[in-house]
């Protein structure tokens, strides 16, 4: 496992803890948020955080906007849990692959 992959895995793990335990006060952030994966560029300056949201009832994009606006707070909480010289800028992206997978599974079992 490369250094970048280890950093991605650690950011994903700690970020999930920050979102679940510390929470975000933005009212747009609701539902059960799962961090699916994190990709970091080679300079460690930018990270894409792919999330899944359950219980947002069609407001997933609002949740993403809320998380992106709370990036400073989330990053400060994450900085206390990790030992990196500089944390990358976080950009949250909604990933609907779990929803699509469940839909396809339902279609396959109907036949």
Protein backbone atom coordinates (compact mmCIF):
# COMPACT_ATOMS: atom_id res chain seq x y z
CA UNK A 1 0.00 0.00 0.00
CA UNK A 2 1.42 3.36 -1.02
CA UNK A 3 1.68 6.40 1.22
CA UNK A 4 -1.17 8.14 -0.64
CA UNK A 5 -3.42 5.11 -0.19
CA UNK A 6 -2.65 4.98 3.55
CA UNK A 7 -3.44 8.68 3.88
CA UNK A 8 -6.70 8.24 1.93
CA UNK A 9 -7.76 5.36 4.17
CA UNK A 10 -6.90 7.24 7.36
CA UNK A 11 -8.71 10.40 6.23
CA UNK A 12 -11.82 8.32 5.36
CA UNK A 13 -11.75 6.58 8.75
CA UNK A 14 -11.22 9.73 10.81
CA UNK A 15 -13.66 11.78 8.73
CA UNK A 16 -16.42 9.24 9.34
CA UNK A 17 -15.75 9.54 13.08
CA UNK A 18 -15.78 13.34 12.96
CA UNK A 19 -19.10 13.46 11.08
CA UNK A 20 -20.75 10.85 13.33
CA UNK A 21 -19.39 11.91 16.72
CA UNK A 22 -18.80 15.66 16.46
CA UNK A 23 -21.58 16.36 13.99
CA UNK A 24 -22.11 19.41 11.82
CA UNK A 25 -24.45 22.16 12.98
CA UNK A 26 -25.61 23.08 9.48
CA UNK A 27 -29.35 22.24 9.21
CA UNK A 28 -28.85 21.01 5.64
CA UNK A 29 -26.72 18.15 6.95
CA UNK A 30 -29.17 15.43 7.95
CA UNK A 31 -29.60 11.72 7.59
CA UNK A 32 -27.05 8.97 7.97
CA UNK A 33 -23.87 9.99 6.19
CA UNK A 34 -21.34 7.33 5.19
CA UNK A 35 -17.88 8.09 3.84
CA UNK A 36 -17.44 5.64 0.95
CA UNK A 37 -13.95 6.59 -0.19
CA UNK A 38 -11.46 9.41 -0.32
CA UNK A 39 -9.12 10.22 -3.19
CA UNK A 40 -6.19 12.57 -2.63
CA UNK A 41 -4.05 14.16 -5.33
CA UNK A 42 -0.30 13.47 -5.35
CA UNK A 43 0.56 16.85 -3.79
CA UNK A 44 -1.82 16.17 -0.85
CA UNK A 45 -3.51 19.50 -1.43
CA UNK A 46 -6.95 18.37 -2.58
CA UNK A 47 -9.18 15.50 -1.45
CA UNK A 48 -12.44 14.29 -2.97
CA UNK A 49 -14.67 12.72 -0.33
CA UNK A 50 -17.35 10.45 -1.78
CA UNK A 51 -20.33 10.08 0.55
CA UNK A 52 -23.63 8.25 0.66
CA UNK A 53 -26.65 9.67 2.47
CA UNK A 54 -29.57 7.66 3.85
CA UNK A 55 -32.67 9.40 5.16
CA UNK A 56 -32.23 12.69 3.30
CA UNK A 57 -35.33 11.99 1.19
CA UNK A 58 -34.14 13.51 -2.07
CA UNK A 59 -32.14 16.30 -0.44
CA UNK A 60 -28.74 14.69 -0.91
CA UNK A 61 -27.34 17.67 -2.79
CA UNK A 62 -28.28 19.96 0.11
CA UNK A 63 -26.37 17.66 2.46
CA UNK A 64 -23.33 17.91 0.18
CA UNK A 65 -23.63 21.72 0.11
CA UNK A 66 -23.85 21.79 3.91
CA UNK A 67 -20.77 19.62 4.29
CA UNK A 68 -18.83 21.71 1.78
CA UNK A 69 -19.77 24.91 3.62
CA UNK A 70 -18.69 23.35 6.95
CA UNK A 71 -15.35 22.24 5.48
CA UNK A 72 -13.36 24.56 7.76
CA UNK A 73 -14.95 23.16 10.91
CA UNK A 74 -14.63 19.57 9.71
CA UNK A 75 -11.01 20.13 8.75
CA UNK A 76 -10.18 21.63 12.16
CA UNK A 77 -11.72 18.60 13.94
CA UNK A 78 -9.92 16.25 11.56
CA UNK A 79 -6.63 18.04 12.16
CA UNK A 80 -6.86 17.19 15.88
CA UNK A 81 -7.19 13.49 15.07
CA UNK A 82 -4.48 13.19 12.41
CA UNK A 83 -0.80 13.98 12.26
CA UNK A 84 -0.30 15.54 8.87
CA UNK A 85 1.69 18.68 8.27
CA UNK A 86 -1.14 20.09 6.19
CA UNK A 87 -4.53 18.55 5.56
CA UNK A 88 -5.81 18.66 1.98
CA UNK A 89 -8.77 20.81 1.01
CA UNK A 90 -11.90 18.66 1.31
CA UNK A 91 -14.51 18.53 -1.43
CA UNK A 92 -17.60 16.40 -0.71
CA UNK A 93 -19.31 14.55 -3.57
CA UNK A 94 -22.53 12.54 -3.42
CA UNK A 95 -22.06 8.98 -4.68
CA UNK A 96 -25.29 7.23 -5.61
CA UNK A 97 -23.71 3.86 -6.39
CA UNK A 98 -25.26 2.21 -3.29
CA UNK A 99 -28.72 3.43 -4.23
CA UNK A 100 -28.24 2.31 -7.82
CA UNK A 101 -26.93 -1.08 -6.65
CA UNK A 102 -29.97 -1.60 -4.42
CA UNK A 103 -32.26 -0.60 -7.32
CA UNK A 104 -30.57 -3.07 -9.67
CA UNK A 105 -30.69 -5.82 -7.04
CA UNK A 106 -34.43 -5.21 -6.62
CA UNK A 107 -34.96 -5.42 -10.38
CA UNK A 108 -33.01 -8.67 -10.59
CA UNK A 109 -34.94 -10.31 -7.76
CA UNK A 110 -38.32 -9.32 -9.23
CA UNK A 111 -37.87 -11.65 -12.21
